[in-house]
PDB file of N, CA and C in Angstrom:
ATOM      1  N   MET A   1      12.440  14.610  -5.640  1.00  0.00           N
ATOM      2  CA  MET A   1      11.423  13.862  -4.957  1.00  0.00           C
ATOM      3  C   MET A   1      12.052  12.708  -4.182  1.00  0.00           C
ATOM      4  N   ASP A   2      11.760  12.637  -2.912  1.00  0.00           N
ATOM      5  CA  ASP A   2      12.316  11.584  -2.030  1.00  0.00           C
ATOM      6  C   ASP A   2      11.420  10.352  -2.106  1.00  0.00           C
ATOM      7  N   VAL A   3      12.049   9.177  -2.078  1.00  0.00           N
ATOM      8  CA  VAL A   3      11.321   7.923  -2.131  1.00  0.00           C
ATOM      9  C   VAL A   3      11.783   7.033  -0.961  1.00  0.00           C
ATOM     10  N   LYS A   4      10.816   6.467  -0.267  1.00  0.00           N
ATOM     11  CA  LYS A   4      11.139   5.615   0.923  1.00  0.00           C
ATOM     12  C   LYS A   4      10.241   4.387   0.879  1.00  0.00           C
ATOM     13  N   LYS A   5      10.844   3.224   1.042  1.00  0.00           N
ATOM     14  CA  LYS A   5      10.044   1.977   1.067  1.00  0.00           C
ATOM     15  C   LYS A   5       9.137   1.990   2.294  1.00  0.00           C
ATOM     16  N   VAL A   6       7.875   1.738   2.075  1.00  0.00           N
ATOM     17  CA  VAL A   6       6.908   1.761   3.163  1.00  0.00           C
ATOM     18  C   VAL A   6       6.345   0.349   3.458  1.00  0.00           C
ATOM     19  N   GLY A   7       6.488  -0.571   2.507  1.00  0.00           N
ATOM     20  CA  GLY A   7       5.986  -1.925   2.748  1.00  0.00           C
ATOM     21  C   GLY A   7       6.072  -2.803   1.524  1.00  0.00           C
ATOM     22  N   GLU A   8       5.426  -3.982   1.698  1.00  0.00           N
ATOM     23  CA  GLU A   8       5.435  -5.024   0.642  1.00  0.00           C
ATOM     24  C   GLU A   8       4.092  -5.701   0.630  1.00  0.00           C
ATOM     25  N   VAL A   9       3.655  -6.017  -0.586  1.00  0.00           N
ATOM     26  CA  VAL A   9       2.322  -6.685  -0.715  1.00  0.00           C
ATOM     27  C   VAL A   9       2.419  -8.099  -0.136  1.00  0.00           C
ATOM     28  N   HIS A  10       1.540  -8.371   0.777  1.00  0.00           N
ATOM     29  CA  HIS A  10       1.416  -9.696   1.415  1.00  0.00           C
ATOM     30  C   HIS A  10       0.505 -10.597   0.581  1.00  0.00           C
ATOM     31  N   SER A  11      -0.612  -9.971   0.106  1.00  0.00           N
ATOM     32  CA  SER A  11      -1.546 -10.715  -0.714  1.00  0.00           C
ATOM     33  C   SER A  11      -2.472  -9.706  -1.436  1.00  0.00           C
ATOM     34  N   TYR A  12      -3.209 -10.186  -2.401  1.00  0.00           N
ATOM     35  CA  TYR A  12      -4.112  -9.342  -3.185  1.00  0.00           C
ATOM     36  C   TYR A  12      -5.411 -10.086  -3.382  1.00  0.00           C
ATOM     37  N   ASP A  13      -6.518  -9.377  -3.187  1.00  0.00           N
ATOM     38  CA  ASP A  13      -7.856  -9.989  -3.336  1.00  0.00           C
ATOM     39  C   ASP A  13      -8.429  -9.459  -4.685  1.00  0.00           C
ATOM     40  N   GLU A  14      -8.440 -10.317  -5.707  1.00  0.00           N
ATOM     41  CA  GLU A  14      -8.893  -9.908  -7.041  1.00  0.00           C
ATOM     42  C   GLU A  14     -10.347  -9.535  -7.044  1.00  0.00           C
ATOM     43  N   PHE A  15     -11.166 -10.140  -6.187  1.00  0.00           N
ATOM     44  CA  PHE A  15     -12.609  -9.851  -6.142  1.00  0.00           C
ATOM     45  C   PHE A  15     -12.874  -8.440  -5.655  1.00  0.00           C
ATOM     46  N   THR A  16     -12.175  -8.002  -4.586  1.00  0.00           N
ATOM     47  CA  THR A  16     -12.412  -6.684  -4.031  1.00  0.00           C
ATOM     48  C   THR A  16     -11.469  -5.611  -4.578  1.00  0.00           C
ATOM     49  N   GLY A  17     -10.301  -6.026  -5.094  1.00  0.00           N
ATOM     50  CA  GLY A  17      -9.308  -5.054  -5.542  1.00  0.00           C
ATOM     51  C   GLY A  17      -8.449  -4.479  -4.417  1.00  0.00           C
ATOM     52  N   TYR A  18      -8.399  -5.146  -3.289  1.00  0.00           N
ATOM     53  CA  TYR A  18      -7.617  -4.685  -2.149  1.00  0.00           C
ATOM     54  C   TYR A  18      -6.285  -5.418  -2.108  1.00  0.00           C
ATOM     55  N   ALA A  19      -5.212  -4.658  -1.866  1.00  0.00           N
ATOM     56  CA  ALA A  19      -3.896  -5.225  -1.576  1.00  0.00           C
ATOM     57  C   ALA A  19      -3.709  -5.213  -0.072  1.00  0.00           C
ATOM     58  N   TYR A  20      -3.205  -6.300   0.435  1.00  0.00           N
ATOM     59  CA  TYR A  20      -2.901  -6.392   1.866  1.00  0.00           C
ATOM     60  C   TYR A  20      -1.398  -6.199   1.980  1.00  0.00           C
ATOM     61  N   ILE A  21      -1.029  -5.162   2.738  1.00  0.00           N
ATOM     62  CA  ILE A  21       0.381  -4.707   2.741  1.00  0.00           C
ATOM     63  C   ILE A  21       0.942  -4.802   4.155  1.00  0.00           C
ATOM     64  N   ARG A  22       2.105  -5.435   4.254  1.00  0.00           N
ATOM     65  CA  ARG A  22       2.854  -5.476   5.532  1.00  0.00           C
ATOM     66  C   ARG A  22       3.756  -4.224   5.523  1.00  0.00           C
ATOM     67  N   LEU A  23       3.546  -3.334   6.458  1.00  0.00           N
ATOM     68  CA  LEU A  23       4.253  -2.076   6.483  1.00  0.00           C
ATOM     69  C   LEU A  23       5.582  -2.162   7.222  1.00  0.00           C
ATOM     70  N   CYS A  24       6.577  -1.405   6.745  1.00  0.00           N
ATOM     71  CA  CYS A  24       7.856  -1.278   7.425  1.00  0.00           C
ATOM     72  C   CYS A  24       8.080   0.216   7.825  1.00  0.00           C
ATOM     73  N   ALA A  25       7.083   1.073   7.619  1.00  0.00           N
ATOM     74  CA  ALA A  25       7.137   2.439   7.960  1.00  0.00           C
ATOM     75  C   ALA A  25       5.700   2.979   8.117  1.00  0.00           C
ATOM     76  N   VAL A  26       5.562   4.182   8.588  1.00  0.00           N
ATOM     77  CA  VAL A  26       4.231   4.811   8.789  1.00  0.00           C
ATOM     78  C   VAL A  26       3.607   5.125   7.431  1.00  0.00           C
ATOM     79  N   LEU A  27       2.294   4.843   7.303  1.00  0.00           N
ATOM     80  CA  LEU A  27       1.513   5.151   6.107  1.00  0.00           C
ATOM     81  C   LEU A  27       0.239   5.828   6.526  1.00  0.00           C
ATOM     82  N   LYS A  28      -0.134   6.924   5.856  1.00  0.00           N
ATOM     83  CA  LYS A  28      -1.313   7.734   6.213  1.00  0.00           C
ATOM     84  C   LYS A  28      -2.238   7.854   5.025  1.00  0.00           C
ATOM     85  N   CYS A  29      -3.503   8.063   5.247  1.00  0.00           N
ATOM     86  CA  CYS A  29      -4.455   8.402   4.166  1.00  0.00           C
ATOM     87  C   CYS A  29      -3.985   9.710   3.537  1.00  0.00           C
ATOM     88  N   GLY A  30      -4.057   9.776   2.265  1.00  0.00           N
ATOM     89  CA  GLY A  30      -3.605  10.981   1.531  1.00  0.00           C
ATOM     90  C   GLY A  30      -2.176  10.876   1.009  1.00  0.00           C
ATOM     91  N   ASP A  31      -1.381   9.928   1.542  1.00  0.00           N
ATOM     92  CA  ASP A  31      -0.021   9.726   1.022  1.00  0.00           C
ATOM     93  C   ASP A  31      -0.120   9.206  -0.394  1.00  0.00           C
ATOM     94  N   THR A  32       0.845   9.553  -1.231  1.00  0.00           N
ATOM     95  CA  THR A  32       0.956   8.982  -2.572  1.00  0.00           C
ATOM     96  C   THR A  32       2.011   7.883  -2.532  1.00  0.00           C
ATOM     97  N   VAL A  33       1.626   6.720  -3.067  1.00  0.00           N
ATOM     98  CA  VAL A  33       2.519   5.546  -3.064  1.00  0.00           C
ATOM     99  C   VAL A  33       2.789   5.066  -4.464  1.00  0.00           C
ATOM    100  N   HIS A  34       3.918   4.405  -4.597  1.00  0.00           N
ATOM    101  CA  HIS A  34       4.369   3.835  -5.873  1.00  0.00           C
ATOM    102  C   HIS A  34       4.480   2.324  -5.689  1.00  0.00           C
ATOM    103  N   PHE A  35       3.710   1.542  -6.455  1.00  0.00           N
ATOM    104  CA  PHE A  35       3.824   0.120  -6.462  1.00  0.00           C
ATOM    105  C   PHE A  35       4.788  -0.275  -7.569  1.00  0.00           C
ATOM    106  N   LEU A  36       5.856  -1.014  -7.158  1.00  0.00           N
ATOM    107  CA  LEU A  36       6.925  -1.315  -8.128  1.00  0.00           C
ATOM    108  C   LEU A  36       7.425  -2.718  -7.941  1.00  0.00           C
ATOM    109  N   GLY A  37       7.450  -3.487  -9.044  1.00  0.00           N
ATOM    110  CA  GLY A  37       7.966  -4.836  -9.010  1.00  0.00           C
ATOM    111  C   GLY A  37       6.954  -5.849  -9.387  1.00  0.00           C
ATOM    112  N   HIS A  38       7.402  -7.000  -9.847  1.00  0.00           N
ATOM    113  CA  HIS A  38       6.584  -8.137 -10.210  1.00  0.00           C
ATOM    114  C   HIS A  38       5.499  -7.746 -11.232  1.00  0.00           C
ATOM    115  N   GLY A  39       5.869  -6.909 -12.198  1.00  0.00           N
ATOM    116  CA  GLY A  39       4.969  -6.448 -13.261  1.00  0.00           C
ATOM    117  C   GLY A  39       4.201  -5.221 -12.965  1.00  0.00           C
ATOM    118  N   SER A  40       4.315  -4.672 -11.778  1.00  0.00           N
ATOM    119  CA  SER A  40       3.624  -3.427 -11.397  1.00  0.00           C
ATOM    120  C   SER A  40       4.586  -2.223 -11.435  1.00  0.00           C
ATOM    121  N   ASP A  41       4.073  -1.150 -11.879  1.00  0.00           N
ATOM    122  CA  ASP A  41       4.807   0.116 -11.884  1.00  0.00           C
ATOM    123  C   ASP A  41       3.786   1.258 -12.023  1.00  0.00           C
ATOM    124  N   PHE A  42       3.163   1.662 -10.926  1.00  0.00           N
ATOM    125  CA  PHE A  42       2.178   2.729 -10.995  1.00  0.00           C
ATOM    126  C   PHE A  42       2.134   3.435  -9.650  1.00  0.00           C
ATOM    127  N   GLN A  43       1.602   4.676  -9.705  1.00  0.00           N
ATOM    128  CA  GLN A  43       1.463   5.460  -8.495  1.00  0.00           C
ATOM    129  C   GLN A  43      -0.020   5.765  -8.260  1.00  0.00           C
ATOM    130  N   GLN A  44      -0.410   5.926  -6.969  1.00  0.00           N
ATOM    131  CA  GLN A  44      -1.739   6.256  -6.617  1.00  0.00           C
ATOM    132  C   GLN A  44      -1.773   6.863  -5.219  1.00  0.00           C
ATOM    133  N   PRO A  45      -2.754   7.709  -4.958  1.00  0.00           N
ATOM    134  CA  PRO A  45      -2.945   8.185  -3.584  1.00  0.00           C
ATOM    135  C   PRO A  45      -3.611   7.139  -2.737  1.00  0.00           C
ATOM    136  N   VAL A  46      -3.317   7.117  -1.428  1.00  0.00           N
ATOM    137  CA  VAL A  46      -3.995   6.218  -0.531  1.00  0.00           C
ATOM    138  C   VAL A  46      -5.270   6.884  -0.061  1.00  0.00           C
ATOM    139  N   ALA A  47      -6.400   6.436  -0.610  1.00  0.00           N
ATOM    140  CA  ALA A  47      -7.699   7.050  -0.323  1.00  0.00           C
ATOM    141  C   ALA A  47      -8.223   6.565   1.027  1.00  0.00           C
ATOM    142  N   ALA A  48      -7.932   5.309   1.392  1.00  0.00           N
ATOM    143  CA  ALA A  48      -8.417   4.751   2.641  1.00  0.00           C
ATOM    144  C   ALA A  48      -7.501   3.623   3.110  1.00  0.00           C
ATOM    145  N   LEU A  49      -7.417   3.469   4.400  1.00  0.00           N
ATOM    146  CA  LEU A  49      -6.666   2.355   4.985  1.00  0.00           C
ATOM    147  C   LEU A  49      -7.595   1.587   5.877  1.00  0.00           C
ATOM    148  N   GLN A  50      -7.411   0.249   5.901  1.00  0.00           N
ATOM    149  CA  GLN A  50      -8.203  -0.587   6.792  1.00  0.00           C
ATOM    150  C   GLN A  50      -7.338  -1.610   7.498  1.00  0.00           C
ATOM    151  N   ILE A  51      -7.660  -1.866   8.745  1.00  0.00           N
ATOM    152  CA  ILE A  51      -7.098  -3.022   9.475  1.00  0.00           C
ATOM    153  C   ILE A  51      -8.248  -3.848   9.948  1.00  0.00           C
ATOM    154  N   GLU A  52      -8.333  -5.081   9.507  1.00  0.00           N
ATOM    155  CA  GLU A  52      -9.426  -5.993   9.861  1.00  0.00           C
ATOM    156  C   GLU A  52     -10.781  -5.348   9.635  1.00  0.00           C
ATOM    157  N   ASN A  53     -10.994  -4.736   8.470  1.00  0.00           N
ATOM    158  CA  ASN A  53     -12.234  -4.092   8.055  1.00  0.00           C
ATOM    159  C   ASN A  53     -12.609  -2.836   8.836  1.00  0.00           C
ATOM    160  N   ASP A  54     -11.721  -2.325   9.693  1.00  0.00           N
ATOM    161  CA  ASP A  54     -11.946  -1.065  10.400  1.00  0.00           C
ATOM    162  C   ASP A  54     -11.135   0.045   9.716  1.00  0.00           C
ATOM    163  N   ALA A  55     -11.830   1.143   9.395  1.00  0.00           N
ATOM    164  CA  ALA A  55     -11.152   2.274   8.742  1.00  0.00           C
ATOM    165  C   ALA A  55     -10.252   2.946   9.743  1.00  0.00           C
ATOM    166  N   ILE A  56      -9.041   3.298   9.268  1.00  0.00           N
ATOM    167  CA  ILE A  56      -8.065   4.010  10.071  1.00  0.00           C
ATOM    168  C   ILE A  56      -7.469   5.177   9.244  1.00  0.00           C
ATOM    169  N   VAL A  57      -6.813   6.129   9.859  1.00  0.00           N
ATOM    170  CA  VAL A  57      -6.210   7.213   9.099  1.00  0.00           C
ATOM    171  C   VAL A  57      -4.731   7.105   9.034  1.00  0.00           C
ATOM    172  N   GLN A  58      -4.132   6.278   9.940  1.00  0.00           N
ATOM    173  CA  GLN A  58      -2.665   6.090   9.940  1.00  0.00           C
ATOM    174  C   GLN A  58      -2.346   4.669  10.402  1.00  0.00           C
ATOM    175  N   ALA A  59      -1.334   4.064   9.818  1.00  0.00           N
ATOM    176  CA  ALA A  59      -0.883   2.739  10.237  1.00  0.00           C
ATOM    177  C   ALA A  59       0.618   2.818  10.467  1.00  0.00           C
ATOM    178  N   ASN A  60       1.127   1.940  11.309  1.00  0.00           N
ATOM    179  CA  ASN A  60       2.543   1.944  11.707  1.00  0.00           C
ATOM    180  C   ASN A  60       3.267   0.727  11.198  1.00  0.00           C
ATOM    181  N   ALA A  61       4.604   0.779  11.286  1.00  0.00           N
ATOM    182  CA  ALA A  61       5.446  -0.313  10.866  1.00  0.00           C
ATOM    183  C   ALA A  61       5.005  -1.598  11.594  1.00  0.00           C
ATOM    184  N   GLY A  62       4.922  -2.690  10.850  1.00  0.00           N
ATOM    185  CA  GLY A  62       4.518  -3.973  11.400  1.00  0.00           C
ATOM    186  C   GLY A  62       3.072  -4.285  11.185  1.00  0.00           C
ATOM    187  N   ASP A  63       2.229  -3.237  10.888  1.00  0.00           N
ATOM    188  CA  ASP A  63       0.805  -3.451  10.662  1.00  0.00           C
ATOM    189  C   ASP A  63       0.548  -4.110   9.306  1.00  0.00           C
ATOM    190  N   LEU A  64      -0.492  -4.911   9.232  1.00  0.00           N
ATOM    191  CA  LEU A  64      -0.994  -5.462   7.985  1.00  0.00           C
ATOM    192  C   LEU A  64      -2.252  -4.688   7.592  1.00  0.00           C
ATOM    193  N   VAL A  65      -2.170  -3.886   6.548  1.00  0.00           N
ATOM    194  CA  VAL A  65      -3.279  -2.993   6.164  1.00  0.00           C
ATOM    195  C   VAL A  65      -3.801  -3.353   4.799  1.00  0.00           C
ATOM    196  N   ALA A  66      -5.067  -2.963   4.587  1.00  0.00           N
ATOM    197  CA  ALA A  66      -5.695  -3.165   3.292  1.00  0.00           C
ATOM    198  C   ALA A  66      -5.797  -1.800   2.593  1.00  0.00           C
ATOM    199  N   VAL A  67      -5.418  -1.765   1.303  1.00  0.00           N
ATOM    200  CA  VAL A  67      -5.494  -0.554   0.488  1.00  0.00           C
ATOM    201  C   VAL A  67      -6.111  -0.939  -0.849  1.00  0.00           C
ATOM    202  N   LYS A  68      -7.157  -0.250  -1.245  1.00  0.00           N
ATOM    203  CA  LYS A  68      -7.738  -0.511  -2.560  1.00  0.00           C
ATOM    204  C   LYS A  68      -6.782   0.029  -3.647  1.00  0.00           C
ATOM    205  N   THR A  69      -6.494  -0.787  -4.650  1.00  0.00           N
ATOM    206  CA  THR A  69      -5.556  -0.380  -5.684  1.00  0.00           C
ATOM    207  C   THR A  69      -6.245  -0.177  -6.991  1.00  0.00           C
ATOM    208  N   ILE A  70      -5.663   0.689  -7.825  1.00  0.00           N
ATOM    209  CA  ILE A  70      -6.250   0.973  -9.137  1.00  0.00           C
ATOM    210  C   ILE A  70      -5.911  -0.098 -10.188  1.00  0.00           C
ATOM    211  N   LYS A  71      -4.890  -0.953  -9.835  1.00  0.00           N
ATOM    212  CA  LYS A  71      -4.506  -2.072 -10.713  1.00  0.00           C
ATOM    213  C   LYS A  71      -4.219  -3.280  -9.844  1.00  0.00           C
ATOM    214  N   PRO A  72      -4.293  -4.474 -10.401  1.00  0.00           N
ATOM    215  CA  PRO A  72      -3.929  -5.645  -9.637  1.00  0.00           C
ATOM    216  C   PRO A  72      -2.428  -5.651  -9.323  1.00  0.00           C
ATOM    217  N   VAL A  73      -2.067  -6.205  -8.177  1.00  0.00           N
ATOM    218  CA  VAL A  73      -0.643  -6.342  -7.774  1.00  0.00           C
ATOM    219  C   VAL A  73      -0.401  -7.754  -7.335  1.00  0.00           C
ATOM    220  N   LYS A  74       0.893  -8.129  -7.385  1.00  0.00           N
ATOM    221  CA  LYS A  74       1.291  -9.470  -6.959  1.00  0.00           C
ATOM    222  C   LYS A  74       2.011  -9.427  -5.615  1.00  0.00           C
ATOM    223  N   ARG A  75       2.011 -10.580  -4.995  1.00  0.00           N
ATOM    224  CA  ARG A  75       2.685 -10.782  -3.712  1.00  0.00           C
ATOM    225  C   ARG A  75       4.155 -10.327  -3.869  1.00  0.00           C
ATOM    226  N   SER A  76       4.684  -9.698  -2.827  1.00  0.00           N
ATOM    227  CA  SER A  76       6.068  -9.237  -2.784  1.00  0.00           C
ATOM    228  C   SER A  76       6.320  -7.986  -3.579  1.00  0.00           C
ATOM    229  N   THR A  77       5.319  -7.387  -4.167  1.00  0.00           N
ATOM    230  CA  THR A  77       5.511  -6.087  -4.820  1.00  0.00           C
ATOM    231  C   THR A  77       5.893  -5.048  -3.773  1.00  0.00           C
ATOM    232  N   ASN A  78       6.866  -4.228  -4.060  1.00  0.00           N
ATOM    233  CA  ASN A  78       7.310  -3.210  -3.109  1.00  0.00           C
ATOM    234  C   ASN A  78       6.431  -1.962  -3.244  1.00  0.00           C
ATOM    235  N   ILE A  79       6.208  -1.300  -2.078  1.00  0.00           N
ATOM    236  CA  ILE A  79       5.460  -0.070  -2.078  1.00  0.00           C
ATOM    237  C   ILE A  79       6.352   1.027  -1.496  1.00  0.00           C
ATOM    238  N   TYR A  80       6.468   2.141  -2.211  1.00  0.00           N
ATOM    239  CA  TYR A  80       7.281   3.236  -1.794  1.00  0.00           C
ATOM    240  C   TYR A  80       6.371   4.446  -1.609  1.00  0.00           C
ATOM    241  N   ILE A  81       6.693   5.262  -0.599  1.00  0.00           N
ATOM    242  CA  ILE A  81       5.954   6.505  -0.338  1.00  0.00           C
ATOM    243  C   ILE A  81       6.714   7.608  -1.050  1.00  0.00           C
ATOM    244  N   LEU A  82       5.992   8.497  -1.729  1.00  0.00           N
ATOM    245  CA  LEU A  82       6.598   9.591  -2.458  1.00  0.00           C
ATOM    246  C   LEU A  82       6.384  10.878  -1.684  1.00  0.00           C
ATOM    247  N   SER A  83       7.420  11.631  -1.505  1.00  0.00           N
ATOM    248  CA  SER A  83       7.326  12.963  -0.848  1.00  0.00           C
ATOM    249  C   SER A  83       8.168  13.958  -1.587  1.00  0.00           C
ATOM    250  N   THR A  84       7.718  15.212  -1.559  1.00  0.00           N
ATOM    251  CA  THR A  84       8.456  16.240  -2.296  1.00  0.00           C
ATOM    252  C   THR A  84       9.316  17.046  -1.375  1.00  0.00           C
TER     253      THR A  84
END
């Protein structure tokens, strides 16, 4: 399984459960990502992506996107995309 860093958590909203991620690579809905670092170590599929409350299907490097997470995450947590 190949692993590639796709971004880093910029901030997390505890009320909504959304992580705001600054991307360094392309991320698409349906991708499986691994949150690793600062107490986090879990994988989840990307069910939806948002930029400024607008739903999108793909985001590019440099974008700040919102992703709903299954667990809380902390700032600077690394996100890796998993591919087989």
